């Protein structure tokens, strides 16, 4: 059952502009942080190289934090959409468990982001 939820969420989210904006923000932040000195993510200043392990770790930490906010926005949008269209009662009255529903939604988000 989670596959049907996964397919629906994937198709729906790929059509949303928030997905493309989030991808553009991530791409531009990382690209500009690596190629220019104008964006200082990770602390590569002076004699510290941009590919130093500590700088790479700091950049990954900051991108994970920003990604956490984007993931929260995507999941809350799904929950609000289910509430507004009054389909939450339908989902939870069918033989689909909370875990299957959440796995389908989160798998669609993961696939859209990394797949």
Protein backbone atom coordinates (compact mmCIF):
# COMPACT_ATOMS: atom_id res chain seq x y z
CA UNK A 1 0.00 0.00 0.00
CA UNK A 2 2.87 2.36 0.68
CA UNK A 3 3.92 2.10 -2.97
CA UNK A 4 0.70 3.75 -4.11
CA UNK A 5 1.22 6.56 -1.60
CA UNK A 6 4.84 6.81 -2.73
CA UNK A 7 3.92 7.09 -6.42
CA UNK A 8 1.23 9.68 -5.78
CA UNK A 9 3.45 11.81 -3.54
CA UNK A 10 6.34 11.60 -5.99
CA UNK A 11 4.20 12.75 -8.92
CA UNK A 12 2.60 15.50 -6.84
CA UNK A 13 5.82 16.84 -5.34
CA UNK A 14 7.74 16.87 -8.62
CA UNK A 15 5.13 19.26 -9.97
CA UNK A 16 5.48 21.70 -7.09
CA UNK A 17 7.67 24.81 -7.49
CA UNK A 18 8.94 24.51 -3.89
CA UNK A 19 10.87 21.40 -4.89
CA UNK A 20 12.67 23.16 -7.71
CA UNK A 21 13.32 26.25 -5.57
CA UNK A 22 14.81 24.10 -2.80
CA UNK A 23 17.06 22.32 -5.29
CA UNK A 24 18.19 25.62 -6.76
CA UNK A 25 18.94 27.05 -3.30
CA UNK A 26 20.99 24.00 -2.33
CA UNK A 27 22.85 23.98 -5.62
CA UNK A 28 23.64 27.69 -5.55
CA UNK A 29 24.74 27.69 -1.92
CA UNK A 30 27.15 24.82 -2.38
CA UNK A 31 28.36 25.99 -5.80
CA UNK A 32 29.02 29.54 -4.61
CA UNK A 33 30.61 28.38 -1.36
CA UNK A 34 33.08 26.23 -3.28
CA UNK A 35 33.86 28.57 -6.18
CA UNK A 36 33.87 32.06 -4.65
CA UNK A 37 34.91 33.83 -1.47
CA UNK A 38 31.64 35.79 -1.41
CA UNK A 39 29.76 32.94 0.28
CA UNK A 40 31.54 31.71 3.39
CA UNK A 41 30.07 28.36 4.36
CA UNK A 42 32.41 26.13 6.30
CA UNK A 43 35.08 28.63 7.32
CA UNK A 44 37.59 28.35 4.45
CA UNK A 45 39.46 31.57 5.21
CA UNK A 46 43.06 32.48 4.49
CA UNK A 47 45.37 29.45 4.42
CA UNK A 48 42.53 26.96 5.11
CA UNK A 49 41.64 25.09 1.92
CA UNK A 50 38.03 24.64 0.85
CA UNK A 51 38.50 20.88 0.73
CA UNK A 52 39.90 20.58 4.24
CA UNK A 53 38.09 17.88 6.24
CA UNK A 54 36.88 20.31 8.90
CA UNK A 55 35.52 22.74 6.29
CA UNK A 56 33.76 19.94 4.40
CA UNK A 57 32.23 18.70 7.66
CA UNK A 58 30.98 22.17 8.56
CA UNK A 59 29.48 22.60 5.09
CA UNK A 60 27.71 19.25 5.34
CA UNK A 61 26.39 20.15 8.78
CA UNK A 62 24.98 23.45 7.58
CA UNK A 63 23.41 21.87 4.48
CA UNK A 64 21.84 19.17 6.67
CA UNK A 65 20.39 21.87 8.92
CA UNK A 66 18.93 23.75 5.96
CA UNK A 67 17.67 20.45 4.54
CA UNK A 68 15.92 19.78 7.84
CA UNK A 69 13.91 22.97 7.43
CA UNK A 70 13.03 22.13 3.82
CA UNK A 71 11.96 18.61 4.83
CA UNK A 72 9.77 20.05 7.57
CA UNK A 73 8.16 22.39 5.05
CA UNK A 74 7.47 19.51 2.62
CA UNK A 75 6.00 17.22 5.28
CA UNK A 76 3.88 19.96 6.84
CA UNK A 77 2.60 20.84 3.36
CA UNK A 78 1.53 17.23 2.85
CA UNK A 79 -0.19 17.07 6.22
CA UNK A 80 -1.99 20.37 5.59
CA UNK A 81 -3.04 19.23 2.11
CA UNK A 82 -4.51 16.05 3.58
CA UNK A 83 -6.33 18.08 6.21
CA UNK A 84 -7.66 20.69 3.78
CA UNK A 85 -8.94 18.13 1.30
CA UNK A 86 -10.34 16.03 4.17
CA UNK A 87 -8.58 12.90 2.99
CA UNK A 88 -6.91 12.14 6.30
CA UNK A 89 -10.05 10.33 7.43
CA UNK A 90 -9.97 8.28 4.23
CA UNK A 91 -6.32 7.31 4.64
CA UNK A 92 -6.71 6.24 8.22
CA UNK A 93 -10.02 4.40 7.67
CA UNK A 94 -8.50 2.13 5.02
CA UNK A 95 -6.26 -0.77 6.01
CA UNK A 96 -3.11 1.34 5.84
CA UNK A 97 -1.13 1.91 8.97
CA UNK A 98 0.53 5.10 10.07
CA UNK A 99 3.92 3.59 9.36
CA UNK A 100 3.01 2.67 5.76
CA UNK A 101 1.61 6.14 5.13
CA UNK A 102 4.64 7.91 6.57
CA UNK A 103 7.06 5.58 4.78
CA UNK A 104 5.33 6.33 1.48
CA UNK A 105 5.46 10.09 2.03
CA UNK A 106 9.06 10.12 3.26
CA UNK A 107 10.23 7.72 0.54
CA UNK A 108 8.76 10.04 -2.09
CA UNK A 109 10.57 12.98 -0.53
CA UNK A 110 13.84 11.02 -0.39
CA UNK A 111 13.48 9.83 -3.98
CA UNK A 112 12.69 13.32 -5.20
CA UNK A 113 15.70 14.71 -3.38
CA UNK A 114 18.34 12.03 -4.00
CA UNK A 115 16.94 9.66 -6.65
